[in-house]
PDB file of N, CA and C in Angstrom:
ATOM      1  N   MET A   1      -3.956   9.931  -2.859  1.00  0.00           N
ATOM      2  CA  MET A   1      -2.529  10.233  -2.813  1.00  0.00           C
ATOM      3  C   MET A   1      -1.857   9.325  -1.787  1.00  0.00           C
ATOM      4  N   ALA A   2      -0.615   9.057  -2.010  1.00  0.00           N
ATOM      5  CA  ALA A   2       0.128   8.166  -1.134  1.00  0.00           C
ATOM      6  C   ALA A   2       0.325   8.803   0.235  1.00  0.00           C
ATOM      7  N   LYS A   3       0.060   8.011   1.254  1.00  0.00           N
ATOM      8  CA  LYS A   3       0.251   8.490   2.620  1.00  0.00           C
ATOM      9  C   LYS A   3       1.662   8.174   3.067  1.00  0.00           C
ATOM     10  N   LYS A   4       2.186   9.033   3.888  1.00  0.00           N
ATOM     11  CA  LYS A   4       3.535   8.832   4.415  1.00  0.00           C
ATOM     12  C   LYS A   4       3.498   7.863   5.586  1.00  0.00           C
ATOM     13  N   ASP A   5       4.675   7.443   5.994  1.00  0.00           N
ATOM     14  CA  ASP A   5       4.817   6.439   7.049  1.00  0.00           C
ATOM     15  C   ASP A   5       4.159   6.879   8.351  1.00  0.00           C
ATOM     16  N   LYS A   6       4.363   8.129   8.757  1.00  0.00           N
ATOM     17  CA  LYS A   6       3.796   8.570  10.032  1.00  0.00           C
ATOM     18  C   LYS A   6       2.268   8.614   9.971  1.00  0.00           C
ATOM     19  N   ASP A   7       1.702   8.911   8.805  1.00  0.00           N
ATOM     20  CA  ASP A   7       0.247   8.889   8.665  1.00  0.00           C
ATOM     21  C   ASP A   7      -0.279   7.460   8.751  1.00  0.00           C
ATOM     22  N   LEU A   8       0.438   6.536   8.144  1.00  0.00           N
ATOM     23  CA  LEU A   8       0.007   5.136   8.162  1.00  0.00           C
ATOM     24  C   LEU A   8       0.128   4.523   9.551  1.00  0.00           C
ATOM     25  N   ARG A   9       1.138   4.901  10.298  1.00  0.00           N
ATOM     26  CA  ARG A   9       1.346   4.338  11.637  1.00  0.00           C
ATOM     27  C   ARG A   9       0.211   4.699  12.595  1.00  0.00           C
ATOM     28  N   SER A  10      -0.471   5.806  12.325  1.00  0.00           N
ATOM     29  CA  SER A  10      -1.553   6.231  13.208  1.00  0.00           C
ATOM     30  C   SER A  10      -2.862   5.484  12.926  1.00  0.00           C
ATOM     31  N   LEU A  11      -2.907   4.686  11.860  1.00  0.00           N
ATOM     32  CA  LEU A  11      -4.122   3.971  11.501  1.00  0.00           C
ATOM     33  C   LEU A  11      -4.262   2.682  12.304  1.00  0.00           C
ATOM     34  N   THR A  12      -5.502   2.241  12.459  1.00  0.00           N
ATOM     35  CA  THR A  12      -5.762   0.962  13.117  1.00  0.00           C
ATOM     36  C   THR A  12      -5.488  -0.175  12.132  1.00  0.00           C
ATOM     37  N   ASP A  13      -5.521  -1.399  12.625  1.00  0.00           N
ATOM     38  CA  ASP A  13      -5.275  -2.556  11.768  1.00  0.00           C
ATOM     39  C   ASP A  13      -6.318  -2.655  10.649  1.00  0.00           C
ATOM     40  N   ASP A  14      -7.577  -2.411  10.990  1.00  0.00           N
ATOM     41  CA  ASP A  14      -8.642  -2.477   9.981  1.00  0.00           C
ATOM     42  C   ASP A  14      -8.464  -1.398   8.919  1.00  0.00           C
ATOM     43  N   GLN A  15      -8.076  -0.209   9.346  1.00  0.00           N
ATOM     44  CA  GLN A  15      -7.854   0.876   8.396  1.00  0.00           C
ATOM     45  C   GLN A  15      -6.664   0.576   7.492  1.00  0.00           C
ATOM     46  N   LEU A  16      -5.634  -0.056   8.059  1.00  0.00           N
ATOM     47  CA  LEU A  16      -4.476  -0.440   7.251  1.00  0.00           C
ATOM     48  C   LEU A  16      -4.873  -1.471   6.195  1.00  0.00           C
ATOM     49  N   GLU A  17      -5.693  -2.423   6.581  1.00  0.00           N
ATOM     50  CA  GLU A  17      -6.162  -3.431   5.620  1.00  0.00           C
ATOM     51  C   GLU A  17      -6.949  -2.771   4.485  1.00  0.00           C
ATOM     52  N   LYS A  18      -7.771  -1.777   4.828  1.00  0.00           N
ATOM     53  CA  LYS A  18      -8.537  -1.064   3.807  1.00  0.00           C
ATOM     54  C   LYS A  18      -7.600  -0.292   2.872  1.00  0.00           C
ATOM     55  N   GLU A  19      -6.609   0.371   3.443  1.00  0.00           N
ATOM     56  CA  GLU A  19      -5.630   1.100   2.632  1.00  0.00           C
ATOM     57  C   GLU A  19      -4.882   0.140   1.706  1.00  0.00           C
ATOM     58  N   LEU A  20      -4.540  -1.036   2.221  1.00  0.00           N
ATOM     59  CA  LEU A  20      -3.841  -2.036   1.421  1.00  0.00           C
ATOM     60  C   LEU A  20      -4.709  -2.496   0.260  1.00  0.00           C
ATOM     61  N   ASN A  21      -5.969  -2.779   0.532  1.00  0.00           N
ATOM     62  CA  ASN A  21      -6.874  -3.197  -0.533  1.00  0.00           C
ATOM     63  C   ASN A  21      -7.036  -2.103  -1.581  1.00  0.00           C
ATOM     64  N   ASP A  22      -7.163  -0.852  -1.132  1.00  0.00           N
ATOM     65  CA  ASP A  22      -7.308   0.262  -2.069  1.00  0.00           C
ATOM     66  C   ASP A  22      -6.062   0.420  -2.943  1.00  0.00           C
ATOM     67  N   ALA A  23      -4.894   0.307  -2.318  1.00  0.00           N
ATOM     68  CA  ALA A  23      -3.646   0.463  -3.061  1.00  0.00           C
ATOM     69  C   ALA A  23      -3.464  -0.676  -4.065  1.00  0.00           C
ATOM     70  N   ARG A  24      -3.811  -1.880  -3.663  1.00  0.00           N
ATOM     71  CA  ARG A  24      -3.691  -3.013  -4.586  1.00  0.00           C
ATOM     72  C   ARG A  24      -4.662  -2.881  -5.750  1.00  0.00           C
ATOM     73  N   GLU A  25      -5.862  -2.389  -5.473  1.00  0.00           N
ATOM     74  CA  GLU A  25      -6.838  -2.184  -6.541  1.00  0.00           C
ATOM     75  C   GLU A  25      -6.339  -1.111  -7.517  1.00  0.00           C
ATOM     76  N   GLU A  26      -5.783  -0.029  -6.976  1.00  0.00           N
ATOM     77  CA  GLU A  26      -5.239   1.026  -7.838  1.00  0.00           C
ATOM     78  C   GLU A  26      -4.083   0.485  -8.680  1.00  0.00           C
ATOM     79  N   LEU A  27      -3.236  -0.341  -8.085  1.00  0.00           N
ATOM     80  CA  LEU A  27      -2.121  -0.932  -8.807  1.00  0.00           C
ATOM     81  C   LEU A  27      -2.621  -1.816  -9.948  1.00  0.00           C
ATOM     82  N   MET A  28      -3.667  -2.578  -9.696  1.00  0.00           N
ATOM     83  CA  MET A  28      -4.230  -3.421 -10.736  1.00  0.00           C
ATOM     84  C   MET A  28      -4.751  -2.566 -11.893  1.00  0.00           C
ATOM     85  N   LYS A  29      -5.436  -1.467 -11.569  1.00  0.00           N
ATOM     86  CA  LYS A  29      -5.961  -0.587 -12.612  1.00  0.00           C
ATOM     87  C   LYS A  29      -4.832   0.056 -13.420  1.00  0.00           C
ATOM     88  N   LEU A  30      -3.770   0.457 -12.721  1.00  0.00           N
ATOM     89  CA  LEU A  30      -2.631   1.070 -13.404  1.00  0.00           C
ATOM     90  C   LEU A  30      -1.946   0.073 -14.333  1.00  0.00           C
ATOM     91  N   ARG A  31      -1.805  -1.166 -13.883  1.00  0.00           N
ATOM     92  CA  ARG A  31      -1.192  -2.193 -14.734  1.00  0.00           C
ATOM     93  C   ARG A  31      -2.041  -2.457 -15.963  1.00  0.00           C
ATOM     94  N   PHE A  32      -3.352  -2.456 -15.783  1.00  0.00           N
ATOM     95  CA  PHE A  32      -4.247  -2.654 -16.917  1.00  0.00           C
ATOM     96  C   PHE A  32      -4.107  -1.499 -17.901  1.00  0.00           C
ATOM     97  N   GLN A  33      -4.069  -0.271 -17.385  1.00  0.00           N
ATOM     98  CA  GLN A  33      -3.895   0.895 -18.244  1.00  0.00           C
ATOM     99  C   GLN A  33      -2.566   0.833 -18.995  1.00  0.00           C
ATOM    100  N   GLN A  34      -1.529   0.344 -18.318  1.00  0.00           N
ATOM    101  CA  GLN A  34      -0.231   0.244 -18.966  1.00  0.00           C
ATOM    102  C   GLN A  34      -0.277  -0.770 -20.102  1.00  0.00           C
ATOM    103  N   SER A  35      -0.950  -1.878 -19.888  1.00  0.00           N
ATOM    104  CA  SER A  35      -0.997  -2.922 -20.909  1.00  0.00           C
ATOM    105  C   SER A  35      -1.816  -2.493 -22.124  1.00  0.00           C
ATOM    106  N   THR A  36      -2.796  -1.614 -21.913  1.00  0.00           N
ATOM    107  CA  THR A  36      -3.604  -1.145 -23.034  1.00  0.00           C
ATOM    108  C   THR A  36      -3.045   0.124 -23.665  1.00  0.00           C
ATOM    109  N   GLY A  37      -1.975   0.663 -23.090  1.00  0.00           N
ATOM    110  CA  GLY A  37      -1.350   1.847 -23.657  1.00  0.00           C
ATOM    111  C   GLY A  37      -1.982   3.157 -23.235  1.00  0.00           C
ATOM    112  N   GLU A  38      -2.884   3.123 -22.252  1.00  0.00           N
ATOM    113  CA  GLU A  38      -3.571   4.329 -21.798  1.00  0.00           C
ATOM    114  C   GLU A  38      -2.799   5.084 -20.721  1.00  0.00           C
ATOM    115  N   LEU A  39      -1.853   4.427 -20.066  1.00  0.00           N
ATOM    116  CA  LEU A  39      -1.138   5.031 -18.945  1.00  0.00           C
ATOM    117  C   LEU A  39      -0.125   6.047 -19.459  1.00  0.00           C
ATOM    118  N   THR A  40      -0.218   7.270 -18.953  1.00  0.00           N
ATOM    119  CA  THR A  40       0.724   8.305 -19.349  1.00  0.00           C
ATOM    120  C   THR A  40       1.680   8.662 -18.221  1.00  0.00           C
ATOM    121  N   ASP A  41       1.243   8.495 -16.973  1.00  0.00           N
ATOM    122  CA  ASP A  41       2.073   8.835 -15.818  1.00  0.00           C
ATOM    123  C   ASP A  41       2.609   7.546 -15.200  1.00  0.00           C
ATOM    124  N   PHE A  42       3.772   7.118 -15.674  1.00  0.00           N
ATOM    125  CA  PHE A  42       4.337   5.850 -15.230  1.00  0.00           C
ATOM    126  C   PHE A  42       4.859   5.907 -13.801  1.00  0.00           C
ATOM    127  N   THR A  43       5.053   7.099 -13.276  1.00  0.00           N
ATOM    128  CA  THR A  43       5.521   7.207 -11.897  1.00  0.00           C
ATOM    129  C   THR A  43       4.461   6.740 -10.907  1.00  0.00           C
ATOM    130  N   ARG A  44       3.199   6.788 -11.294  1.00  0.00           N
ATOM    131  CA  ARG A  44       2.128   6.316 -10.418  1.00  0.00           C
ATOM    132  C   ARG A  44       2.295   4.839 -10.099  1.00  0.00           C
ATOM    133  N   LEU A  45       2.793   4.060 -11.053  1.00  0.00           N
ATOM    134  CA  LEU A  45       3.042   2.639 -10.802  1.00  0.00           C
ATOM    135  C   LEU A  45       4.058   2.472  -9.675  1.00  0.00           C
ATOM    136  N   ARG A  46       5.158   3.176  -9.751  1.00  0.00           N
ATOM    137  CA  ARG A  46       6.201   3.067  -8.739  1.00  0.00           C
ATOM    138  C   ARG A  46       5.702   3.546  -7.380  1.00  0.00           C
ATOM    139  N   ILE A  47       4.994   4.667  -7.374  1.00  0.00           N
ATOM    140  CA  ILE A  47       4.478   5.216  -6.121  1.00  0.00           C
ATOM    141  C   ILE A  47       3.511   4.238  -5.467  1.00  0.00           C
ATOM    142  N   THR A  48       2.639   3.649  -6.262  1.00  0.00           N
ATOM    143  CA  THR A  48       1.639   2.726  -5.725  1.00  0.00           C
ATOM    144  C   THR A  48       2.286   1.438  -5.232  1.00  0.00           C
ATOM    145  N   ARG A  49       3.277   0.918  -5.966  1.00  0.00           N
ATOM    146  CA  ARG A  49       3.994  -0.277  -5.506  1.00  0.00           C
ATOM    147  C   ARG A  49       4.674  -0.016  -4.170  1.00  0.00           C
ATOM    148  N   ARG A  50       5.269   1.145  -4.038  1.00  0.00           N
ATOM    149  CA  ARG A  50       5.937   1.485  -2.784  1.00  0.00           C
ATOM    150  C   ARG A  50       4.936   1.661  -1.646  1.00  0.00           C
ATOM    151  N   GLN A  51       3.765   2.171  -1.971  1.00  0.00           N
ATOM    152  CA  GLN A  51       2.722   2.332  -0.956  1.00  0.00           C
ATOM    153  C   GLN A  51       2.277   0.965  -0.436  1.00  0.00           C
ATOM    154  N   VAL A  52       2.111   0.015  -1.337  1.00  0.00           N
ATOM    155  CA  VAL A  52       1.745  -1.343  -0.940  1.00  0.00           C
ATOM    156  C   VAL A  52       2.842  -1.917  -0.037  1.00  0.00           C
ATOM    157  N   ALA A  53       4.094  -1.715  -0.404  1.00  0.00           N
ATOM    158  CA  ALA A  53       5.205  -2.231   0.391  1.00  0.00           C
ATOM    159  C   ALA A  53       5.239  -1.586   1.773  1.00  0.00           C
ATOM    160  N   ARG A  54       4.979  -0.277   1.854  1.00  0.00           N
ATOM    161  CA  ARG A  54       4.954   0.410   3.153  1.00  0.00           C
ATOM    162  C   ARG A  54       3.897  -0.189   4.074  1.00  0.00           C
ATOM    163  N   ILE A  55       2.716  -0.396   3.519  1.00  0.00           N
ATOM    164  CA  ILE A  55       1.606  -0.912   4.316  1.00  0.00           C
ATOM    165  C   ILE A  55       1.910  -2.335   4.780  1.00  0.00           C
ATOM    166  N   LEU A  56       2.419  -3.169   3.875  1.00  0.00           N
ATOM    167  CA  LEU A  56       2.755  -4.535   4.252  1.00  0.00           C
ATOM    168  C   LEU A  56       3.842  -4.571   5.323  1.00  0.00           C
ATOM    169  N   THR A  57       4.796  -3.658   5.235  1.00  0.00           N
ATOM    170  CA  THR A  57       5.849  -3.590   6.247  1.00  0.00           C
ATOM    171  C   THR A  57       5.267  -3.249   7.614  1.00  0.00           C
ATOM    172  N   LEU A  58       4.358  -2.279   7.649  1.00  0.00           N
ATOM    173  CA  LEU A  58       3.737  -1.908   8.921  1.00  0.00           C
ATOM    174  C   LEU A  58       2.919  -3.057   9.499  1.00  0.00           C
ATOM    175  N   ILE A  59       2.184  -3.746   8.657  1.00  0.00           N
ATOM    176  CA  ILE A  59       1.393  -4.887   9.125  1.00  0.00           C
ATOM    177  C   ILE A  59       2.309  -5.963   9.701  1.00  0.00           C
ATOM    178  N   ASN A  60       3.403  -6.259   8.989  1.00  0.00           N
ATOM    179  CA  ASN A  60       4.336  -7.279   9.458  1.00  0.00           C
ATOM    180  C   ASN A  60       5.034  -6.857  10.744  1.00  0.00           C
ATOM    181  N   GLU A  61       5.341  -5.575  10.888  1.00  0.00           N
ATOM    182  CA  GLU A  61       5.942  -5.084  12.127  1.00  0.00           C
ATOM    183  C   GLU A  61       4.992  -5.274  13.303  1.00  0.00           C
ATOM    184  N   ARG A  62       3.722  -4.980  13.076  1.00  0.00           N
ATOM    185  CA  ARG A  62       2.742  -5.130  14.152  1.00  0.00           C
ATOM    186  C   ARG A  62       2.575  -6.592  14.545  1.00  0.00           C
ATOM    187  N   VAL A  63       2.567  -7.469  13.564  1.00  0.00           N
ATOM    188  CA  VAL A  63       2.438  -8.902  13.848  1.00  0.00           C
ATOM    189  C   VAL A  63       3.656  -9.380  14.628  1.00  0.00           C
ATOM    190  N   ALA A  64       4.838  -8.957  14.233  1.00  0.00           N
ATOM    191  CA  ALA A  64       6.058  -9.363  14.932  1.00  0.00           C
ATOM    192  C   ALA A  64       6.078  -8.833  16.352  1.00  0.00           C
ATOM    193  N   THR A  65       5.594  -7.618  16.549  1.00  0.00           N
ATOM    194  CA  THR A  65       5.544  -7.040  17.891  1.00  0.00           C
ATOM    195  C   THR A  65       4.573  -7.824  18.774  1.00  0.00           C
ATOM    196  N   GLU A  66       3.428  -8.173  18.220  1.00  0.00           N
ATOM    197  CA  GLU A  66       2.443  -8.944  18.979  1.00  0.00           C
ATOM    198  C   GLU A  66       2.987 -10.316  19.344  1.00  0.00           C
ATOM    199  N   GLU A  67       3.702 -10.956  18.439  1.00  0.00           N
ATOM    200  CA  GLU A  67       4.263 -12.278  18.705  1.00  0.00           C
ATOM    201  C   GLU A  67       5.380 -12.176  19.750  1.00  0.00           C
ATOM    202  N   GLY A  68       6.127 -11.082  19.716  1.00  0.00           N
ATOM    203  CA  GLY A  68       7.188 -10.890  20.681  1.00  0.00           C
ATOM    204  C   GLY A  68       6.663 -10.668  22.087  1.00  0.00           C
ATOM    205  N   GLU A  69       5.508 -10.055  22.189  1.00  0.00           N
ATOM    206  CA  GLU A  69       4.907  -9.805  23.495  1.00  0.00           C
ATOM    207  C   GLU A  69       4.244 -11.034  24.075  1.00  0.00           C
ATOM    208  N   ALA A  70       3.836 -11.929  23.201  1.00  0.00           N
ATOM    209  CA  ALA A  70       3.118 -13.135  23.668  1.00  0.00           C
ATOM    210  C   ALA A  70       4.025 -14.194  24.212  1.00  0.00           C
TER     211      ALA A  70
END
């Protein structure tokens, strides 16, 4: 299930990378299901895309913060 922003913020960088990989893999599977006509819950595509975007935003925020401190 999709994690909320506050749950994701508590994760370490390595855990965020794992979550990102998992979400991207799920998105790939959902797209494949959609192309073959097996997908019935189209909202999962939107939820998963947004989850990927949330994780990428957090990663980019952390990188920007680190660069600002350096």
